[in-house]
C-alpha atoms as a PDB file:
ATOM      1  CA  MET A   1      24.968 -35.037  68.082  1.00  0.00           C
ATOM      2  CA  ASN A   2      21.971 -37.138  67.687  1.00  0.00           C
ATOM      3  CA  LEU A   3      19.472 -36.957  64.920  1.00  0.00           C
ATOM      4  CA  PRO A   4      16.431 -35.755  67.095  1.00  0.00           C
ATOM      5  CA  PHE A   5      18.467 -32.775  68.419  1.00  0.00           C
ATOM      6  CA  LEU A   6      19.435 -31.657  64.906  1.00  0.00           C
ATOM      7  CA  ALA A   7      15.762 -32.035  63.889  1.00  0.00           C
ATOM      8  CA  SER A   8      14.857 -29.726  66.760  1.00  0.00           C
ATOM      9  CA  LEU A   9      17.459 -27.196  65.548  1.00  0.00           C
ATOM     10  CA  ALA A  10      16.095 -27.198  62.058  1.00  0.00           C
ATOM     11  CA  GLY A  11      12.485 -26.713  63.524  1.00  0.00           C
ATOM     12  CA  VAL A  12      13.589 -23.905  65.528  1.00  0.00           C
ATOM     13  CA  ALA A  13      15.437 -22.272  62.558  1.00  0.00           C
ATOM     14  CA  THR A  14      12.491 -22.506  60.318  1.00  0.00           C
ATOM     15  CA  ILE A  15      10.163 -20.797  63.042  1.00  0.00           C
ATOM     16  CA  LEU A  16      12.623 -18.295  63.691  1.00  0.00           C
ATOM     17  CA  ALA A  17      12.990 -17.458  59.793  1.00  0.00           C
ATOM     18  CA  ALA A  18       9.260 -17.450  59.436  1.00  0.00           C
ATOM     19  CA  CYS A  19       9.063 -14.777  62.330  1.00  0.00           C
ATOM     20  CA  SER A  20      11.811 -12.575  60.895  1.00  0.00           C
ATOM     21  CA  THR A  21      10.138 -12.203  57.358  1.00  0.00           C
ATOM     22  CA  THR A  22       8.635  -8.874  56.790  1.00  0.00           C
ATOM     23  CA  PRO A  23       5.063  -9.180  55.432  1.00  0.00           C
ATOM     24  CA  GLU A  24       4.680  -7.328  52.216  1.00  0.00           C
ATOM     25  CA  THR A  25       2.760  -4.033  52.275  1.00  0.00           C
ATOM     26  CA  PRO A  26      -0.008  -4.347  49.815  1.00  0.00           C
ATOM     27  CA  ALA A  27       0.126  -1.587  47.110  1.00  0.00           C
ATOM     28  CA  ALA A  28      -2.238   1.548  47.818  1.00  0.00           C
ATOM     29  CA  PRO A  29      -5.100   1.490  45.470  1.00  0.00           C
ATOM     30  CA  THR A  30      -4.782   3.988  42.507  1.00  0.00           C
ATOM     31  CA  LYS A  31      -6.927   6.902  43.044  1.00  0.00           C
ATOM     32  CA  PRO A  32      -8.928   8.077  39.972  1.00  0.00           C
ATOM     33  CA  LEU A  33      -7.819  11.333  38.530  1.00  0.00           C
ATOM     34  CA  THR A  34      -9.963  14.504  39.590  1.00  0.00           C
ATOM     35  CA  ALA A  35     -11.425  16.517  36.828  1.00  0.00           C
ATOM     36  CA  ALA A  36      -8.676  18.983  36.855  1.00  0.00           C
ATOM     37  CA  GLN A  37      -6.059  16.439  36.770  1.00  0.00           C
ATOM     38  CA  GLN A  38      -7.583  14.703  33.855  1.00  0.00           C
ATOM     39  CA  LYS A  39      -8.091  18.137  32.101  1.00  0.00           C
ATOM     40  CA  ALA A  40      -4.293  18.736  32.763  1.00  0.00           C
ATOM     41  CA  GLN A  41      -3.199  15.387  31.461  1.00  0.00           C
ATOM     42  CA  ILE A  42      -5.264  15.778  28.246  1.00  0.00           C
ATOM     43  CA  ALA A  43      -3.681  19.200  27.581  1.00  0.00           C
ATOM     44  CA  GLN A  44      -0.309  17.672  27.620  1.00  0.00           C
ATOM     45  CA  LEU A  45      -1.053  15.366  24.888  1.00  0.00           C
ATOM     46  CA  LYS A  46       0.549  15.929  21.472  1.00  0.00           C
ATOM     47  CA  LEU A  47      -1.417  15.330  18.226  1.00  0.00           C
ATOM     48  CA  ALA A  48       0.620  14.307  15.217  1.00  0.00           C
ATOM     49  CA  TYR A  49      -0.941  15.692  11.876  1.00  0.00           C
ATOM     50  CA  GLY A  50       0.060  14.494   8.487  1.00  0.00           C
ATOM     51  CA  ALA A  51       0.224  16.980   5.606  1.00  0.00           C
ATOM     52  CA  PRO A  52      -3.028  18.680   4.584  1.00  0.00           C
ATOM     53  CA  GLU A  53      -4.652  17.232   1.538  1.00  0.00           C
ATOM     54  CA  GLN A  54      -7.232  18.928  -0.881  1.00  0.00           C
ATOM     55  CA  ILE A  55      -9.943  16.649  -1.920  1.00  0.00           C
ATOM     56  CA  ASP A  56     -11.281  17.584  -5.216  1.00  0.00           C
ATOM     57  CA  SER A  57     -12.264  20.970  -4.021  1.00  0.00           C
ATOM     58  CA  SER A  58     -11.141  24.026  -2.383  1.00  0.00           C
ATOM     59  CA  ALA A  59     -14.167  23.736   0.063  1.00  0.00           C
ATOM     60  CA  TYR A  60     -12.475  21.193   2.240  1.00  0.00           C
ATOM     61  CA  VAL A  61      -8.982  20.235   3.434  1.00  0.00           C
ATOM     62  CA  LEU A  62      -8.168  16.914   5.140  1.00  0.00           C
ATOM     63  CA  TYR A  63      -5.706  16.506   7.894  1.00  0.00           C
ATOM     64  CA  PRO A  64      -4.762  12.834   8.703  1.00  0.00           C
ATOM     65  CA  LEU A  65      -4.097  12.243  12.676  1.00  0.00           C
ATOM     66  CA  VAL A  66      -1.206  10.085  12.577  1.00  0.00           C
ATOM     67  CA  LEU A  67      -1.215   6.991  15.127  1.00  0.00           C
ATOM     68  CA  GLY A  68       2.108   5.723  14.308  1.00  0.00           C
ATOM     69  CA  LYS A  69       4.210   3.572  11.656  1.00  0.00           C
ATOM     70  CA  ASP A  70       3.137   0.265  10.226  1.00  0.00           C
ATOM     71  CA  VAL A  71       5.609  -1.996   8.616  1.00  0.00           C
ATOM     72  CA  VAL A  72       4.382  -3.555   5.156  1.00  0.00           C
ATOM     73  CA  GLU A  73       6.286  -6.389   3.708  1.00  0.00           C
ATOM     74  CA  GLU A  74       5.625  -7.107   0.003  1.00  0.00           C
ATOM     75  CA  GLU A  75       6.748 -10.170  -2.239  1.00  0.00           C
ATOM     76  CA  SER A  76       7.745  -9.636  -5.705  1.00  0.00           C
ATOM     77  CA  GLU A  77       7.770 -12.042  -8.385  1.00  0.00           C
ATOM     78  CA  TYR A  78      10.923 -10.853 -10.027  1.00  0.00           C
ATOM     79  CA  SER A  79      12.939  -9.670  -6.795  1.00  0.00           C
ATOM     80  CA  SER A  80      13.258 -10.369  -3.105  1.00  0.00           C
ATOM     81  CA  SER A  81      10.657  -9.181  -0.694  1.00  0.00           C
ATOM     82  CA  SER A  82      10.710  -5.690   0.397  1.00  0.00           C
ATOM     83  CA  ARG A  83       9.865  -4.012   3.787  1.00  0.00           C
ATOM     84  CA  TYR A  84       8.859  -0.458   4.289  1.00  0.00           C
ATOM     85  CA  GLU A  85       6.894   1.781   6.930  1.00  0.00           C
ATOM     86  CA  VAL A  86       3.670   3.540   6.203  1.00  0.00           C
ATOM     87  CA  ASP A  87       1.747   5.861   8.441  1.00  0.00           C
ATOM     88  CA  LYS A  88      -1.606   4.645   9.852  1.00  0.00           C
ATOM     89  CA  TYR A  89      -4.156   7.013  11.276  1.00  0.00           C
ATOM     90  CA  TRP A  90      -6.565   6.893  14.063  1.00  0.00           C
ATOM     91  CA  ASN A  91      -8.871   9.639  12.519  1.00  0.00           C
ATOM     92  CA  LEU A  92      -8.988  12.349   9.923  1.00  0.00           C
ATOM     93  CA  ALA A  93      -9.931  15.861  10.471  1.00  0.00           C
ATOM     94  CA  PHE A  94     -11.808  17.925   7.665  1.00  0.00           C
ATOM     95  CA  TYR A  95     -11.214  21.755   7.787  1.00  0.00           C
ATOM     96  CA  ASN A  96     -13.338  24.129   5.738  1.00  0.00           C
ATOM     97  CA  PRO A  97     -11.193  27.405   5.153  1.00  0.00           C
ATOM     98  CA  THR A  98     -14.172  29.241   3.632  1.00  0.00           C
ATOM     99  CA  ASN A  99     -16.086  29.495   7.120  1.00  0.00           C
ATOM    100  CA  GLY A 100     -13.451  28.146   9.589  1.00  0.00           C
ATOM    101  CA  THR A 101     -15.480  24.892  10.584  1.00  0.00           C
ATOM    102  CA  SER A 102     -14.014  21.697  11.192  1.00  0.00           C
ATOM    103  CA  HIS A 103     -15.060  18.087  12.201  1.00  0.00           C
ATOM    104  CA  LEU A 104     -13.574  14.680  12.656  1.00  0.00           C
ATOM    105  CA  LEU A 105     -14.457  11.764  10.263  1.00  0.00           C
ATOM    106  CA  ASP A 106     -15.761   9.824  13.215  1.00  0.00           C
ATOM    107  CA  SER A 107     -15.621  10.505  17.030  1.00  0.00           C
ATOM    108  CA  THR A 108     -17.653   7.503  18.306  1.00  0.00           C
ATOM    109  CA  ARG A 109     -15.356   4.461  17.476  1.00  0.00           C
ATOM    110  CA  ARG A 110     -11.845   3.319  18.173  1.00  0.00           C
ATOM    111  CA  MET A 111     -10.301   2.511  14.688  1.00  0.00           C
ATOM    112  CA  VAL A 112      -7.196   2.291  12.602  1.00  0.00           C
ATOM    113  CA  ILE A 113      -7.237   3.789   9.294  1.00  0.00           C
ATOM    114  CA  TYR A 114      -4.635   2.248   6.962  1.00  0.00           C
ATOM    115  CA  SER A 115      -5.612   4.055   3.737  1.00  0.00           C
ATOM    116  CA  TYR A 116      -7.838   6.434   2.187  1.00  0.00           C
ATOM    117  CA  GLU A 117      -8.473   7.514  -1.279  1.00  0.00           C
ATOM    118  CA  PRO A 118     -10.802   9.311  -3.598  1.00  0.00           C
ATOM    119  CA  LYS A 119     -12.191   7.593  -6.727  1.00  0.00           C
ATOM    120  CA  SER A 120     -13.188  10.182  -9.398  1.00  0.00           C
ATOM    121  CA  SER A 121     -14.021  10.055 -12.956  1.00  0.00           C
ATOM    122  CA  ASP A 122     -13.241  13.679 -13.417  1.00  0.00           C
ATOM    123  CA  ASP A 123      -9.900  14.606 -12.510  1.00  0.00           C
ATOM    124  CA  LYS A 124     -10.597  18.383 -13.658  1.00  0.00           C
ATOM    125  CA  VAL A 125     -12.655  19.088 -10.550  1.00  0.00           C
ATOM    126  CA  THR A 126     -10.008  20.963  -8.589  1.00  0.00           C
ATOM    127  CA  SER A 127     -11.548  24.108  -7.219  1.00  0.00           C
ATOM    128  CA  MET A 128     -15.054  25.352  -6.686  1.00  0.00           C
ATOM    129  CA  SER A 129     -17.101  27.527  -4.378  1.00  0.00           C
ATOM    130  CA  ALA A 130     -18.510  26.293  -1.004  1.00  0.00           C
ATOM    131  CA  ALA A 131     -22.055  26.419  -2.574  1.00  0.00           C
ATOM    132  CA  ALA A 132     -20.981  24.544  -5.777  1.00  0.00           C
ATOM    133  CA  PHE A 133     -19.136  21.941  -3.542  1.00  0.00           C
ATOM    134  CA  ALA A 134     -22.348  21.390  -1.583  1.00  0.00           C
ATOM    135  CA  GLU A 135     -24.218  20.801  -4.658  1.00  0.00           C
ATOM    136  CA  TYR A 136     -21.522  18.312  -5.937  1.00  0.00           C
ATOM    137  CA  VAL A 137     -21.761  16.038  -2.838  1.00  0.00           C
ATOM    138  CA  ARG A 138     -25.533  16.465  -2.306  1.00  0.00           C
ATOM    139  CA  GLY A 139     -25.991  12.996  -4.267  1.00  0.00           C
ATOM    140  CA  SER A 140     -22.855  11.431  -2.846  1.00  0.00           C
ATOM    141  CA  PHE A 141     -24.221   8.163  -1.605  1.00  0.00           C
ATOM    142  CA  THR A 142     -25.871   7.238  -5.081  1.00  0.00           C
ATOM    143  CA  GLN A 143     -22.614   8.138  -6.992  1.00  0.00           C
ATOM    144  CA  VAL A 144     -19.460   6.074  -6.551  1.00  0.00           C
ATOM    145  CA  ASP A 145     -17.017   8.684  -8.006  1.00  0.00           C
ATOM    146  CA  LYS A 146     -18.111  11.432  -5.507  1.00  0.00           C
ATOM    147  CA  LEU A 147     -16.999   9.373  -2.169  1.00  0.00           C
ATOM    148  CA  LEU A 148     -13.888   8.764  -0.102  1.00  0.00           C
ATOM    149  CA  TYR A 149     -12.836   5.192   0.357  1.00  0.00           C
ATOM    150  CA  TYR A 150     -11.261   3.875   3.611  1.00  0.00           C
ATOM    151  CA  SER A 151      -9.559   0.616   4.671  1.00  0.00           C
ATOM    152  CA  VAL A 152     -10.354   0.382   8.441  1.00  0.00           C
ATOM    153  CA  ARG A 153      -9.770  -1.863  11.272  1.00  0.00           C
ATOM    154  CA  THR A 154     -12.349  -1.574  13.979  1.00  0.00           C
ATOM    155  CA  LEU A 155     -12.552  -5.408  15.431  1.00  0.00           C
ATOM    156  CA  ASP A 156     -10.184  -6.882  17.445  1.00  0.00           C
ATOM    157  CA  PHE A 157     -10.682 -10.400  15.845  1.00  0.00           C
ATOM    158  CA  ASN A 158      -7.938 -12.286  17.272  1.00  0.00           C
ATOM    159  CA  HIS A 159      -8.260 -10.788  20.679  1.00  0.00           C
ATOM    160  CA  ASP A 160      -4.661  -9.692  21.176  1.00  0.00           C
ATOM    161  CA  GLY A 161      -5.699  -6.138  22.503  1.00  0.00           C
ATOM    162  CA  GLU A 162      -4.538  -4.355  19.333  1.00  0.00           C
ATOM    163  CA  LEU A 163      -5.912  -3.327  15.897  1.00  0.00           C
ATOM    164  CA  THR A 164      -3.460  -4.732  13.285  1.00  0.00           C
ATOM    165  CA  ARG A 165      -3.254  -5.941   9.810  1.00  0.00           C
ATOM    166  CA  ASP A 166      -4.106  -9.545  11.362  1.00  0.00           C
ATOM    167  CA  ASP A 167      -7.508  -8.054  12.013  1.00  0.00           C
ATOM    168  CA  PRO A 168     -10.016  -7.924   9.314  1.00  0.00           C
ATOM    169  CA  ASN A 169      -9.980  -4.878   6.976  1.00  0.00           C
ATOM    170  CA  TYR A 170     -13.364  -3.255   6.420  1.00  0.00           C
ATOM    171  CA  LEU A 171     -14.310  -0.899   3.579  1.00  0.00           C
ATOM    172  CA  PHE A 172     -15.859   2.375   4.647  1.00  0.00           C
ATOM    173  CA  ILE A 173     -17.073   5.274   2.692  1.00  0.00           C
ATOM    174  CA  SER A 174     -18.062   9.016   3.279  1.00  0.00           C
ATOM    175  CA  ASP A 175     -18.846  11.909   0.944  1.00  0.00           C
ATOM    176  CA  LYS A 176     -15.936  14.220   0.211  1.00  0.00           C
ATOM    177  CA  ALA A 177     -16.649  16.619   2.937  1.00  0.00           C
ATOM    178  CA  GLY A 178     -16.133  13.794   5.342  1.00  0.00           C
ATOM    179  CA  ASN A 179     -19.651  13.324   6.245  1.00  0.00           C
ATOM    180  CA  GLY A 180     -21.824   9.999   6.243  1.00  0.00           C
ATOM    181  CA  PHE A 181     -18.856   7.858   7.580  1.00  0.00           C
ATOM    182  CA  ARG A 182     -20.193   4.216   7.337  1.00  0.00           C
ATOM    183  CA  GLN A 183     -19.027   0.802   6.798  1.00  0.00           C
ATOM    184  CA  VAL A 184     -20.113  -1.181   3.552  1.00  0.00           C
ATOM    185  CA  SER A 185     -18.296  -4.601   3.927  1.00  0.00           C
ATOM    186  CA  PRO A 186     -19.703  -7.334   6.263  1.00  0.00           C
ATOM    187  CA  ASP A 187     -18.511  -7.580   9.845  1.00  0.00           C
ATOM    188  CA  THR A 188     -15.583 -10.268  10.117  1.00  0.00           C
ATOM    189  CA  TYR A 189     -14.781 -10.454   6.493  1.00  0.00           C
ATOM    190  CA  ASN A 190     -11.344  -9.223   5.505  1.00  0.00           C
ATOM    191  CA  VAL A 191     -11.496  -7.142   2.315  1.00  0.00           C
ATOM    192  CA  HIS A 192      -8.365  -7.232   0.209  1.00  0.00           C
ATOM    193  CA  SER A 193      -9.507  -5.517  -2.991  1.00  0.00           C
ATOM    194  CA  TRP A 194     -12.348  -3.618  -4.393  1.00  0.00           C
ATOM    195  CA  GLN A 195     -13.417  -1.637  -7.667  1.00  0.00           C
ATOM    196  CA  LEU A 196     -16.058   0.612  -8.725  1.00  0.00           C
ATOM    197  CA  LEU A 197     -18.832   0.149 -11.416  1.00  0.00           C
ATOM    198  CA  LEU A 198     -19.485   3.722 -12.420  1.00  0.00           C
ATOM    199  CA  ALA A 199     -22.440   2.890 -14.582  1.00  0.00           C
ATOM    200  CA  THR A 200     -24.349   1.263 -12.062  1.00  0.00           C
ATOM    201  CA  ASN A 201     -23.047   3.003  -8.972  1.00  0.00           C
ATOM    202  CA  LYS A 202     -21.991  -0.449  -7.226  1.00  0.00           C
ATOM    203  CA  ILE A 203     -18.953  -1.561  -5.518  1.00  0.00           C
ATOM    204  CA  LEU A 204     -17.399  -4.872  -6.105  1.00  0.00           C
ATOM    205  CA  LEU A 205     -15.436  -6.458  -3.170  1.00  0.00           C
ATOM    206  CA  GLN A 206     -13.068  -9.421  -2.711  1.00  0.00           C
ATOM    207  CA  ALA A 207     -12.895 -10.500   0.786  1.00  0.00           C
ATOM    208  CA  THR A 208     -11.923 -13.534   2.830  1.00  0.00           C
ATOM    209  CA  ALA A 209     -14.013 -15.325   5.432  1.00  0.00           C
ATOM    210  CA  ASP A 210     -12.299 -16.998   8.261  1.00  0.00           C
ATOM    211  CA  THR A 211     -14.042 -20.382   7.351  1.00  0.00           C
ATOM    212  CA  ASN A 212     -11.737 -22.702   9.461  1.00  0.00           C
ATOM    213  CA  HIS A 213     -12.230 -20.478  12.524  1.00  0.00           C
ATOM    214  CA  ASN A 214      -8.553 -20.120  13.545  1.00  0.00           C
ATOM    215  CA  GLN A 215      -8.893 -16.414  13.671  1.00  0.00           C
ATOM    216  CA  LYS A 216      -6.570 -15.880  10.852  1.00  0.00           C
ATOM    217  CA  PHE A 217      -7.094 -14.965   7.190  1.00  0.00           C
ATOM    218  CA  ASP A 218      -4.918 -17.169   4.813  1.00  0.00           C
ATOM    219  CA  GLU A 219      -4.779 -19.327   1.905  1.00  0.00           C
ATOM    220  CA  ASN A 220      -6.881 -22.108   3.851  1.00  0.00           C
ATOM    221  CA  ASP A 221     -10.052 -19.810   4.065  1.00  0.00           C
ATOM    222  CA  THR A 222     -12.541 -19.086   1.474  1.00  0.00           C
ATOM    223  CA  ASP A 223     -12.600 -16.041  -0.730  1.00  0.00           C
ATOM    224  CA  VAL A 224     -15.872 -14.391  -1.197  1.00  0.00           C
ATOM    225  CA  LEU A 225     -17.221 -11.984  -3.824  1.00  0.00           C
ATOM    226  CA  LEU A 226     -19.532  -9.318  -2.829  1.00  0.00           C
ATOM    227  CA  VAL A 227     -21.437  -6.368  -4.258  1.00  0.00           C
ATOM    228  CA  TYR A 228     -22.433  -3.273  -2.421  1.00  0.00           C
ATOM    229  CA  ASP A 229     -25.434  -1.110  -4.088  1.00  0.00           C
ATOM    230  CA  LEU A 230     -25.129   2.714  -3.305  1.00  0.00           C
ATOM    231  CA  ALA A 231     -28.595   3.261  -4.400  1.00  0.00           C
ATOM    232  CA  THR A 232     -30.405   0.800  -1.893  1.00  0.00           C
ATOM    233  CA  GLY A 233     -27.506   1.028   0.802  1.00  0.00           C
ATOM    234  CA  GLY A 234     -28.237  -2.393   2.180  1.00  0.00           C
ATOM    235  CA  PRO A 235     -25.843  -4.872   3.306  1.00  0.00           C
ATOM    236  CA  ALA A 236     -23.317  -6.177   0.874  1.00  0.00           C
ATOM    237  CA  LYS A 237     -24.449  -9.309  -0.992  1.00  0.00           C
ATOM    238  CA  GLU A 238     -22.749 -12.296  -2.264  1.00  0.00           C
ATOM    239  CA  VAL A 239     -22.240 -11.756  -6.231  1.00  0.00           C
ATOM    240  CA  PHE A 240     -23.150 -15.487  -6.975  1.00  0.00           C
ATOM    241  CA  ASN A 241     -26.065 -17.244  -5.292  1.00  0.00           C
ATOM    242  CA  GLU A 242     -25.735 -20.869  -3.909  1.00  0.00           C
ATOM    243  CA  ALA A 243     -27.544 -22.550  -6.733  1.00  0.00           C
ATOM    244  CA  PHE A 244     -25.006 -20.760  -9.353  1.00  0.00           C
ATOM    245  CA  LYS A 245     -21.899 -21.944  -7.207  1.00  0.00           C
ATOM    246  CA  THR A 246     -23.234 -25.338  -6.916  1.00  0.00           C
ATOM    247  CA  LYS A 247     -23.546 -25.596 -10.633  1.00  0.00           C
ATOM    248  CA  VAL A 248     -19.961 -24.253 -11.045  1.00  0.00           C
ATOM    249  CA  LYS A 249     -18.544 -26.691  -8.553  1.00  0.00           C
ATOM    250  CA  ASN A 250     -20.217 -29.747 -10.418  1.00  0.00           C
ATOM    251  CA  ILE A 251     -18.993 -28.567 -13.546  1.00  0.00           C
ATOM    252  CA  TYR A 252     -15.232 -27.937 -12.130  1.00  0.00           C
ATOM    253  CA  HIS A 253     -15.494 -31.421 -10.560  1.00  0.00           C
ATOM    254  CA  ALA A 254     -16.517 -33.045 -13.946  1.00  0.00           C
ATOM    255  CA  GLN A 255     -14.019 -31.324 -15.912  1.00  0.00           C
ATOM    256  CA  TRP A 256     -10.833 -30.996 -13.549  1.00  0.00           C
ATOM    257  CA  ALA A 257     -11.016 -32.997 -10.390  1.00  0.00           C
ATOM    258  CA  LYS A 258      -8.933 -35.924 -11.867  1.00  0.00           C
ATOM    259  CA  LYS A 259      -6.811 -33.899 -14.026  1.00  0.00           C
ATOM    260  CA  PRO A 260      -3.713 -31.620 -12.820  1.00  0.00           C
ATOM    261  CA  VAL A 261      -4.189 -27.936 -13.157  1.00  0.00           C
ATOM    262  CA  GLN A 262      -1.169 -26.607 -15.070  1.00  0.00           C
END
């Protein structure tokens, strides 16, 4: 059998194979749900509530809305690292048993709440009437001990489609009735600690800026010291101005640049 004949047979086989291939049927486009279908789908959703918590008063009870579990890993100087799970929340529901009203902490933004806590200088405030409670929180946003504080992620900083501990942690506040929820730390800064100055009604924050622009917050980035003034309500400002920081750098360079730090 000669080579041209074999080539001819191969060509025929290729043509027949191509003709016998069944073309793929394109997937039918997904139809949007009707209003009734969407309503039925929402009705089937199951909400996970955490245990109710009384916040400094009988006037309001807080119910955390659980989003899932988060794994936390901690390293200890004296023992091996430990891993444990904690709840994370997508919102908080505030319920007033006196009049039966309720509201969400925030209904406008997608967020993950990793922790929340009151900071109070008066642990004896445990029960009061609704009127007294309203009077108690009336001056909340100028008094640091009348607020709730939240660690919240709202920005998908590394563009992975999720809100995780790799994204910047923002400090939010509200009054103890869950009203006036707002962010007090700057965008894109990762807050890792904060404390209250009761005498001046200011909040000190320690945060990290992604100064090397690798979409991570680590030891290669710069720590930033911030102060937030509840009285003015403006954006958080750096504690030290540029002139002071330059002065400190010059002194550090003169005293320590050529000496090892013990």
